[in-house]
N, C-alpha and C. Protein backbone atom coordinates (compact mmCIF):
# COMPACT_ATOMS: atom_id res chain seq x y z
N UNK A 1 -24.79 -28.10 32.43
CA UNK A 1 -26.06 -27.48 32.67
C UNK A 1 -26.73 -27.25 31.32
N UNK A 2 -27.96 -27.61 31.23
CA UNK A 2 -28.72 -27.45 30.00
C UNK A 2 -29.81 -26.42 30.20
N UNK A 3 -30.06 -25.61 29.22
CA UNK A 3 -31.18 -24.69 29.23
C UNK A 3 -32.19 -25.23 28.23
N UNK A 4 -33.39 -25.47 28.71
CA UNK A 4 -34.40 -26.02 27.81
C UNK A 4 -35.52 -25.02 27.59
N UNK A 5 -36.07 -25.08 26.43
CA UNK A 5 -37.18 -24.22 26.05
C UNK A 5 -38.15 -25.06 25.23
N UNK A 6 -39.37 -25.23 25.73
CA UNK A 6 -40.37 -26.05 25.06
C UNK A 6 -39.84 -27.45 24.78
N UNK A 7 -39.23 -28.02 25.77
CA UNK A 7 -38.70 -29.39 25.69
C UNK A 7 -37.60 -29.55 24.65
N UNK A 8 -36.97 -28.47 24.27
CA UNK A 8 -35.86 -28.52 23.32
C UNK A 8 -34.62 -27.97 24.03
N UNK A 9 -33.49 -28.60 23.86
CA UNK A 9 -32.27 -28.09 24.46
C UNK A 9 -31.67 -27.04 23.51
N UNK A 10 -31.56 -25.78 24.00
CA UNK A 10 -31.02 -24.71 23.16
C UNK A 10 -29.51 -24.57 23.33
N UNK A 11 -29.05 -24.60 24.56
CA UNK A 11 -27.63 -24.40 24.83
C UNK A 11 -27.15 -25.46 25.80
N UNK A 12 -25.91 -25.78 25.66
CA UNK A 12 -25.30 -26.70 26.60
C UNK A 12 -24.06 -26.02 27.18
N UNK A 13 -23.96 -25.94 28.50
CA UNK A 13 -22.85 -25.28 29.16
C UNK A 13 -22.00 -26.30 29.89
N UNK A 14 -20.70 -26.06 29.87
CA UNK A 14 -19.82 -26.93 30.66
C UNK A 14 -19.61 -26.30 32.02
N UNK A 15 -19.10 -27.06 32.92
CA UNK A 15 -18.84 -26.54 34.27
C UNK A 15 -17.38 -26.12 34.43
N UNK A 16 -16.60 -26.10 33.35
CA UNK A 16 -15.20 -25.69 33.45
C UNK A 16 -15.13 -24.19 33.68
N UNK A 17 -14.04 -23.75 34.31
CA UNK A 17 -13.87 -22.34 34.61
C UNK A 17 -13.13 -21.65 33.47
N UNK A 18 -13.66 -20.54 33.04
CA UNK A 18 -13.06 -19.76 31.97
C UNK A 18 -12.86 -18.35 32.50
N UNK A 19 -11.67 -17.79 32.28
CA UNK A 19 -11.38 -16.44 32.73
C UNK A 19 -11.20 -15.53 31.53
N UNK A 20 -11.53 -14.28 31.72
CA UNK A 20 -11.29 -13.26 30.71
C UNK A 20 -10.58 -12.11 31.40
N UNK A 21 -9.48 -11.66 30.82
CA UNK A 21 -8.65 -10.63 31.45
C UNK A 21 -8.82 -9.31 30.70
N UNK A 22 -9.13 -8.24 31.41
CA UNK A 22 -9.24 -6.91 30.81
C UNK A 22 -7.94 -6.15 31.05
N UNK A 23 -7.53 -5.38 30.05
CA UNK A 23 -6.34 -4.53 30.20
C UNK A 23 -6.62 -3.18 29.56
N UNK A 24 -5.84 -2.18 29.97
CA UNK A 24 -5.93 -0.86 29.34
C UNK A 24 -5.19 -0.92 28.01
N UNK A 25 -5.72 -0.25 27.01
CA UNK A 25 -5.00 -0.15 25.74
C UNK A 25 -3.73 0.65 25.95
N UNK A 26 -2.63 0.21 25.34
CA UNK A 26 -1.39 0.97 25.48
C UNK A 26 -1.47 2.33 24.80
N UNK A 27 -0.69 3.26 25.33
CA UNK A 27 -0.55 4.59 24.75
C UNK A 27 0.88 4.69 24.22
N UNK A 28 1.05 5.12 22.98
CA UNK A 28 2.38 5.23 22.38
C UNK A 28 2.77 6.70 22.27
N UNK A 29 3.95 7.03 22.79
CA UNK A 29 4.46 8.40 22.74
C UNK A 29 5.65 8.55 21.79
N UNK A 30 6.36 7.45 21.54
CA UNK A 30 7.55 7.54 20.68
C UNK A 30 7.83 6.19 20.04
N UNK A 31 8.21 6.21 18.77
CA UNK A 31 8.66 5.02 18.04
C UNK A 31 9.94 5.42 17.32
N UNK A 32 11.03 4.73 17.65
CA UNK A 32 12.29 5.03 16.95
C UNK A 32 13.18 3.82 16.87
N UNK A 33 13.92 3.68 15.78
CA UNK A 33 14.00 4.58 14.63
C UNK A 33 12.74 4.47 13.77
N UNK A 34 12.64 5.38 12.82
CA UNK A 34 11.48 5.39 11.94
C UNK A 34 11.77 4.73 10.59
N UNK A 35 12.95 4.12 10.45
CA UNK A 35 13.29 3.44 9.20
C UNK A 35 14.28 2.32 9.47
N UNK A 36 14.35 1.38 8.52
CA UNK A 36 15.27 0.25 8.66
C UNK A 36 15.50 -0.42 7.34
N UNK A 37 16.46 -1.34 7.33
CA UNK A 37 16.84 -2.05 6.12
C UNK A 37 15.74 -2.99 5.62
N UNK A 38 15.68 -3.17 4.31
CA UNK A 38 14.68 -4.04 3.69
C UNK A 38 14.83 -5.48 4.15
N UNK A 39 16.01 -5.90 4.59
CA UNK A 39 16.20 -7.28 5.03
C UNK A 39 15.56 -7.54 6.40
N UNK A 40 15.08 -6.45 7.07
CA UNK A 40 14.44 -6.60 8.37
C UNK A 40 15.47 -6.68 9.48
N UNK A 41 14.99 -6.93 10.69
CA UNK A 41 15.87 -7.08 11.84
C UNK A 41 16.18 -5.81 12.59
N UNK A 42 15.59 -4.68 12.18
CA UNK A 42 15.81 -3.42 12.90
C UNK A 42 15.06 -3.46 14.23
N UNK A 43 15.74 -3.13 15.32
CA UNK A 43 15.09 -3.05 16.63
C UNK A 43 14.38 -1.71 16.74
N UNK A 44 13.07 -1.75 16.93
CA UNK A 44 12.25 -0.54 17.00
C UNK A 44 11.76 -0.39 18.43
N UNK A 45 12.21 0.67 19.09
CA UNK A 45 11.81 0.93 20.47
C UNK A 45 10.51 1.71 20.49
N UNK A 46 9.53 1.18 21.20
CA UNK A 46 8.23 1.82 21.34
C UNK A 46 8.07 2.22 22.80
N UNK A 47 7.91 3.53 23.04
CA UNK A 47 7.78 4.05 24.40
C UNK A 47 6.40 4.64 24.60
N UNK A 48 5.90 4.51 25.82
CA UNK A 48 4.58 5.05 26.12
C UNK A 48 4.12 4.63 27.50
N UNK A 49 2.92 4.08 27.57
CA UNK A 49 2.36 3.65 28.85
C UNK A 49 1.40 2.48 28.66
N UNK A 50 1.17 1.76 29.71
CA UNK A 50 0.22 0.66 29.80
C UNK A 50 0.61 -0.58 29.00
N UNK A 51 1.91 -0.77 28.72
CA UNK A 51 2.32 -2.03 28.12
C UNK A 51 2.28 -3.10 29.20
N UNK A 52 2.01 -4.31 28.81
CA UNK A 52 1.93 -5.38 29.79
C UNK A 52 2.43 -6.69 29.22
N UNK A 53 2.73 -7.61 30.13
CA UNK A 53 3.14 -8.96 29.75
C UNK A 53 2.62 -9.93 30.81
N UNK A 54 1.54 -10.58 30.51
CA UNK A 54 0.95 -11.59 31.37
C UNK A 54 0.53 -12.75 30.47
N UNK A 55 1.51 -13.56 30.05
CA UNK A 55 1.20 -14.63 29.08
C UNK A 55 0.15 -15.62 29.57
N UNK A 56 0.02 -15.78 30.89
CA UNK A 56 -0.99 -16.70 31.40
C UNK A 56 -2.41 -16.22 31.08
N UNK A 57 -2.56 -14.93 30.77
CA UNK A 57 -3.84 -14.36 30.38
C UNK A 57 -3.89 -13.98 28.89
N UNK A 58 -2.86 -14.32 28.16
CA UNK A 58 -2.81 -13.98 26.74
C UNK A 58 -2.38 -12.56 26.46
N UNK A 59 -1.82 -11.88 27.46
CA UNK A 59 -1.35 -10.51 27.29
C UNK A 59 0.13 -10.54 26.93
N UNK A 60 0.39 -10.43 25.64
CA UNK A 60 1.75 -10.45 25.09
C UNK A 60 1.81 -9.36 24.03
N UNK A 61 2.73 -8.39 24.16
CA UNK A 61 2.76 -7.28 23.20
C UNK A 61 3.17 -7.72 21.79
N UNK A 62 2.56 -7.06 20.81
CA UNK A 62 2.83 -7.31 19.39
C UNK A 62 2.90 -5.97 18.66
N UNK A 63 3.60 -5.97 17.54
CA UNK A 63 3.63 -4.83 16.62
C UNK A 63 3.22 -5.33 15.25
N UNK A 64 2.71 -4.41 14.45
CA UNK A 64 2.38 -4.75 13.07
C UNK A 64 3.00 -3.69 12.18
N UNK A 65 3.74 -4.13 11.17
CA UNK A 65 4.29 -3.23 10.16
C UNK A 65 3.82 -3.77 8.81
N UNK A 66 3.02 -2.97 8.13
CA UNK A 66 2.39 -3.48 6.91
C UNK A 66 1.38 -4.53 7.32
N UNK A 67 1.42 -5.68 6.68
CA UNK A 67 0.50 -6.76 7.04
C UNK A 67 1.18 -7.82 7.89
N UNK A 68 2.40 -7.55 8.36
CA UNK A 68 3.16 -8.54 9.12
C UNK A 68 3.14 -8.23 10.62
N UNK A 69 2.67 -9.20 11.39
CA UNK A 69 2.59 -9.08 12.84
C UNK A 69 3.79 -9.77 13.45
N UNK A 70 4.43 -9.11 14.42
CA UNK A 70 5.55 -9.75 15.11
C UNK A 70 5.40 -9.54 16.62
N UNK A 71 5.83 -10.52 17.36
CA UNK A 71 5.78 -10.45 18.81
C UNK A 71 6.85 -9.47 19.28
N UNK A 72 6.51 -8.60 20.20
CA UNK A 72 7.45 -7.60 20.71
C UNK A 72 8.12 -8.12 21.98
N UNK A 73 9.27 -7.56 22.29
CA UNK A 73 9.96 -7.87 23.53
C UNK A 73 9.48 -6.90 24.59
N UNK A 74 9.05 -7.41 25.72
CA UNK A 74 8.54 -6.58 26.80
C UNK A 74 9.70 -6.22 27.72
N UNK A 75 9.91 -4.93 27.94
CA UNK A 75 10.95 -4.48 28.86
C UNK A 75 10.36 -3.87 30.13
N UNK A 76 9.26 -3.14 29.98
CA UNK A 76 8.59 -2.54 31.13
C UNK A 76 7.22 -2.06 30.70
N UNK A 77 6.48 -1.52 31.64
CA UNK A 77 5.14 -1.02 31.31
C UNK A 77 5.19 0.22 30.45
N UNK A 78 6.40 0.78 30.24
CA UNK A 78 6.54 1.98 29.41
C UNK A 78 7.41 1.76 28.17
N UNK A 79 7.88 0.50 27.96
CA UNK A 79 8.75 0.27 26.80
C UNK A 79 8.67 -1.17 26.31
N UNK A 80 8.45 -1.30 24.99
CA UNK A 80 8.56 -2.58 24.30
C UNK A 80 9.49 -2.38 23.12
N UNK A 81 10.03 -3.47 22.59
CA UNK A 81 10.90 -3.40 21.42
C UNK A 81 10.40 -4.40 20.38
N UNK A 82 10.18 -3.90 19.18
CA UNK A 82 9.73 -4.72 18.06
C UNK A 82 10.90 -4.95 17.11
N UNK A 83 10.85 -6.02 16.36
CA UNK A 83 11.86 -6.31 15.34
C UNK A 83 11.17 -6.19 13.99
N UNK A 84 11.72 -5.34 13.12
CA UNK A 84 11.07 -5.14 11.81
C UNK A 84 11.18 -6.40 10.97
N UNK A 85 10.07 -6.79 10.31
CA UNK A 85 10.13 -7.93 9.39
C UNK A 85 10.72 -7.48 8.06
N UNK A 86 11.20 -8.41 7.24
CA UNK A 86 11.70 -8.04 5.91
C UNK A 86 10.58 -7.46 5.05
N UNK A 87 10.94 -6.50 4.19
CA UNK A 87 9.97 -5.90 3.27
C UNK A 87 10.73 -5.17 2.18
N UNK A 88 10.43 -5.47 0.92
CA UNK A 88 11.14 -4.85 -0.21
C UNK A 88 10.49 -3.55 -0.69
N UNK A 89 9.37 -3.14 -0.10
CA UNK A 89 8.66 -1.94 -0.53
C UNK A 89 9.30 -0.71 0.12
N UNK A 90 10.15 0.00 -0.66
CA UNK A 90 10.86 1.16 -0.11
C UNK A 90 10.12 2.47 -0.38
N UNK A 91 8.99 2.42 -1.05
CA UNK A 91 8.29 3.64 -1.42
C UNK A 91 7.08 3.95 -0.56
N UNK A 92 6.95 3.30 0.58
CA UNK A 92 5.75 3.46 1.38
C UNK A 92 6.08 3.73 2.84
N UNK A 93 5.23 4.48 3.49
CA UNK A 93 5.31 4.65 4.95
C UNK A 93 4.29 3.70 5.56
N UNK A 94 4.75 2.82 6.44
CA UNK A 94 3.87 1.83 7.05
C UNK A 94 3.48 2.26 8.47
N UNK A 95 2.18 2.25 8.81
CA UNK A 95 1.78 2.52 10.18
C UNK A 95 2.38 1.46 11.12
N UNK A 96 2.58 1.83 12.38
CA UNK A 96 3.12 0.91 13.38
C UNK A 96 2.11 0.78 14.53
N UNK A 97 1.02 0.00 14.33
CA UNK A 97 0.09 -0.22 15.43
C UNK A 97 0.65 -1.25 16.41
N UNK A 98 0.20 -1.18 17.66
CA UNK A 98 0.64 -2.12 18.69
C UNK A 98 -0.59 -2.81 19.29
N UNK A 99 -0.34 -3.97 19.88
CA UNK A 99 -1.40 -4.77 20.48
C UNK A 99 -0.86 -5.50 21.69
N UNK A 100 -1.73 -5.78 22.63
CA UNK A 100 -1.34 -6.60 23.78
C UNK A 100 -1.86 -8.03 23.69
N UNK A 101 -2.64 -8.32 22.65
CA UNK A 101 -3.12 -9.70 22.49
C UNK A 101 -2.90 -10.25 21.08
N UNK A 102 -2.29 -9.47 20.19
CA UNK A 102 -2.03 -9.92 18.83
C UNK A 102 -3.24 -9.85 17.92
N UNK A 103 -4.37 -9.34 18.43
CA UNK A 103 -5.60 -9.26 17.65
C UNK A 103 -6.12 -7.83 17.57
N UNK A 104 -6.23 -7.18 18.73
CA UNK A 104 -6.77 -5.82 18.80
C UNK A 104 -5.63 -4.82 18.78
N UNK A 105 -5.45 -4.14 17.63
CA UNK A 105 -4.33 -3.23 17.47
C UNK A 105 -4.76 -1.78 17.68
N UNK A 106 -3.87 -1.00 18.27
CA UNK A 106 -4.08 0.43 18.53
C UNK A 106 -3.12 1.20 17.63
N UNK A 107 -3.64 2.16 16.89
CA UNK A 107 -2.79 2.97 16.02
C UNK A 107 -1.86 3.84 16.87
N UNK A 108 -0.57 3.73 16.63
CA UNK A 108 0.40 4.50 17.41
C UNK A 108 0.53 5.93 16.89
N UNK A 109 0.12 6.14 15.64
CA UNK A 109 0.29 7.45 15.03
C UNK A 109 1.67 7.61 14.39
N UNK A 110 2.51 6.60 14.50
CA UNK A 110 3.86 6.65 13.94
C UNK A 110 3.95 5.78 12.71
N UNK A 111 4.93 6.12 11.84
CA UNK A 111 5.15 5.38 10.59
C UNK A 111 6.58 4.85 10.54
N UNK A 112 6.77 3.79 9.73
CA UNK A 112 8.09 3.18 9.54
C UNK A 112 8.27 2.96 8.05
N UNK A 113 9.48 3.22 7.55
CA UNK A 113 9.74 2.92 6.14
C UNK A 113 11.06 2.18 6.00
N UNK A 114 11.20 1.54 4.85
CA UNK A 114 12.35 0.68 4.56
C UNK A 114 13.28 1.35 3.55
N UNK A 115 14.55 1.01 3.63
CA UNK A 115 15.54 1.44 2.65
C UNK A 115 16.49 0.28 2.38
N UNK A 116 17.13 0.35 1.19
CA UNK A 116 18.08 -0.70 0.82
C UNK A 116 19.44 -0.45 1.44
N UNK A 117 20.19 -1.50 1.63
CA UNK A 117 21.55 -1.39 2.17
C UNK A 117 22.41 -0.59 1.19
N UNK A 118 22.99 0.52 1.64
CA UNK A 118 23.88 1.29 0.75
C UNK A 118 25.13 0.48 0.39
N UNK A 119 25.67 0.78 -0.77
CA UNK A 119 26.92 0.16 -1.21
C UNK A 119 27.98 1.26 -1.27
N UNK A 120 29.08 1.07 -0.55
CA UNK A 120 30.15 2.07 -0.52
C UNK A 120 31.26 1.68 -1.47
N UNK A 121 31.66 2.66 -2.33
CA UNK A 121 32.74 2.42 -3.29
C UNK A 121 34.06 3.02 -2.82
N UNK A 122 33.98 4.23 -2.29
CA UNK A 122 35.22 4.95 -2.00
C UNK A 122 34.96 5.98 -0.90
N UNK A 123 36.00 6.21 -0.08
CA UNK A 123 35.95 7.24 0.94
C UNK A 123 37.29 7.99 0.91
N UNK A 124 37.21 9.33 0.81
CA UNK A 124 38.44 10.13 0.83
C UNK A 124 38.24 11.35 1.70
N UNK A 125 39.22 11.79 2.39
CA UNK A 125 40.49 11.11 2.65
C UNK A 125 40.27 9.94 3.62
N UNK A 126 41.28 9.12 3.78
CA UNK A 126 41.18 7.96 4.66
C UNK A 126 41.85 8.21 6.01
N UNK A 127 42.26 9.46 6.23
CA UNK A 127 42.85 9.80 7.53
C UNK A 127 42.65 11.29 7.81
N UNK A 128 42.87 11.68 9.07
CA UNK A 128 42.72 13.08 9.45
C UNK A 128 43.23 13.28 10.87
N UNK A 129 43.33 14.53 11.28
CA UNK A 129 43.86 14.81 12.62
C UNK A 129 42.91 14.32 13.71
N UNK A 130 43.46 13.97 14.87
CA UNK A 130 42.65 13.47 15.97
C UNK A 130 41.71 14.52 16.54
N UNK A 131 41.97 15.79 16.26
CA UNK A 131 41.08 16.85 16.73
C UNK A 131 39.78 16.89 15.93
N UNK A 132 39.69 16.15 14.82
CA UNK A 132 38.48 16.07 14.01
C UNK A 132 38.36 17.24 13.06
N UNK A 133 37.20 17.37 12.43
CA UNK A 133 36.93 18.49 11.53
C UNK A 133 37.19 18.19 10.06
N UNK A 134 37.73 17.02 9.74
CA UNK A 134 38.00 16.69 8.34
C UNK A 134 36.71 16.30 7.63
N UNK A 135 36.45 16.92 6.47
CA UNK A 135 35.30 16.52 5.66
C UNK A 135 35.66 15.23 4.94
N UNK A 136 34.78 14.26 5.03
CA UNK A 136 34.99 12.97 4.37
C UNK A 136 33.97 12.84 3.24
N UNK A 137 34.44 12.44 2.07
CA UNK A 137 33.58 12.25 0.91
C UNK A 137 33.40 10.76 0.68
N UNK A 138 32.15 10.35 0.59
CA UNK A 138 31.83 8.94 0.38
C UNK A 138 31.09 8.81 -0.94
N UNK A 139 31.54 7.90 -1.78
CA UNK A 139 30.84 7.62 -3.03
C UNK A 139 30.32 6.19 -2.97
N UNK A 140 29.16 5.99 -3.60
CA UNK A 140 28.56 4.67 -3.58
C UNK A 140 27.21 4.67 -4.27
N UNK A 141 26.40 3.69 -3.93
CA UNK A 141 25.08 3.54 -4.54
C UNK A 141 24.05 3.20 -3.47
N UNK A 142 22.79 3.40 -3.82
CA UNK A 142 21.65 3.08 -2.97
C UNK A 142 21.60 3.91 -1.70
N UNK A 143 22.11 5.15 -1.79
CA UNK A 143 21.94 6.05 -0.65
C UNK A 143 20.49 6.47 -0.60
N UNK A 144 19.99 6.69 0.59
CA UNK A 144 18.58 7.02 0.77
C UNK A 144 18.44 8.30 1.56
N UNK A 145 17.44 9.08 1.21
CA UNK A 145 17.09 10.26 1.99
C UNK A 145 16.18 9.76 3.11
N UNK A 146 16.75 9.34 4.23
CA UNK A 146 16.00 8.71 5.30
C UNK A 146 14.92 9.62 5.86
N UNK A 147 15.12 10.93 5.80
CA UNK A 147 14.13 11.84 6.37
C UNK A 147 12.86 11.93 5.52
N UNK A 148 12.91 11.56 4.23
CA UNK A 148 11.73 11.65 3.37
C UNK A 148 11.78 10.55 2.32
N UNK A 149 11.12 9.43 2.57
CA UNK A 149 11.21 8.32 1.62
C UNK A 149 10.58 8.65 0.28
């Protein structure tokens, strides 16, 4: 179909059918854990509401940590799981926005930070009673204060 104006063709339309799917933006209530190893691969559970998975309409959940976007695993309308990408920046808190189309992201209000793999040198004692209660001392390197990066 052509639209003409003053004997000039302005637009040309095809007769193919195009659909557009509307969805509600997801609501995030919890993101955990809030930290993971710099090598990536941490499973981050995102809980809330209005998550969806309809790939035939382009509705596929995604997470973004820093500038890296990753496809999330859809479990239900109230839970998705993201996998943290590798990142060597251990001094920053990264927002964790989510999206259902990989383009339009919603701020979850939660942050994620990275830490290096600790190295363990020694643990003493190496045994204790089965009733528990023994204090164990661990020495090593690259320990992190996970509660405050």
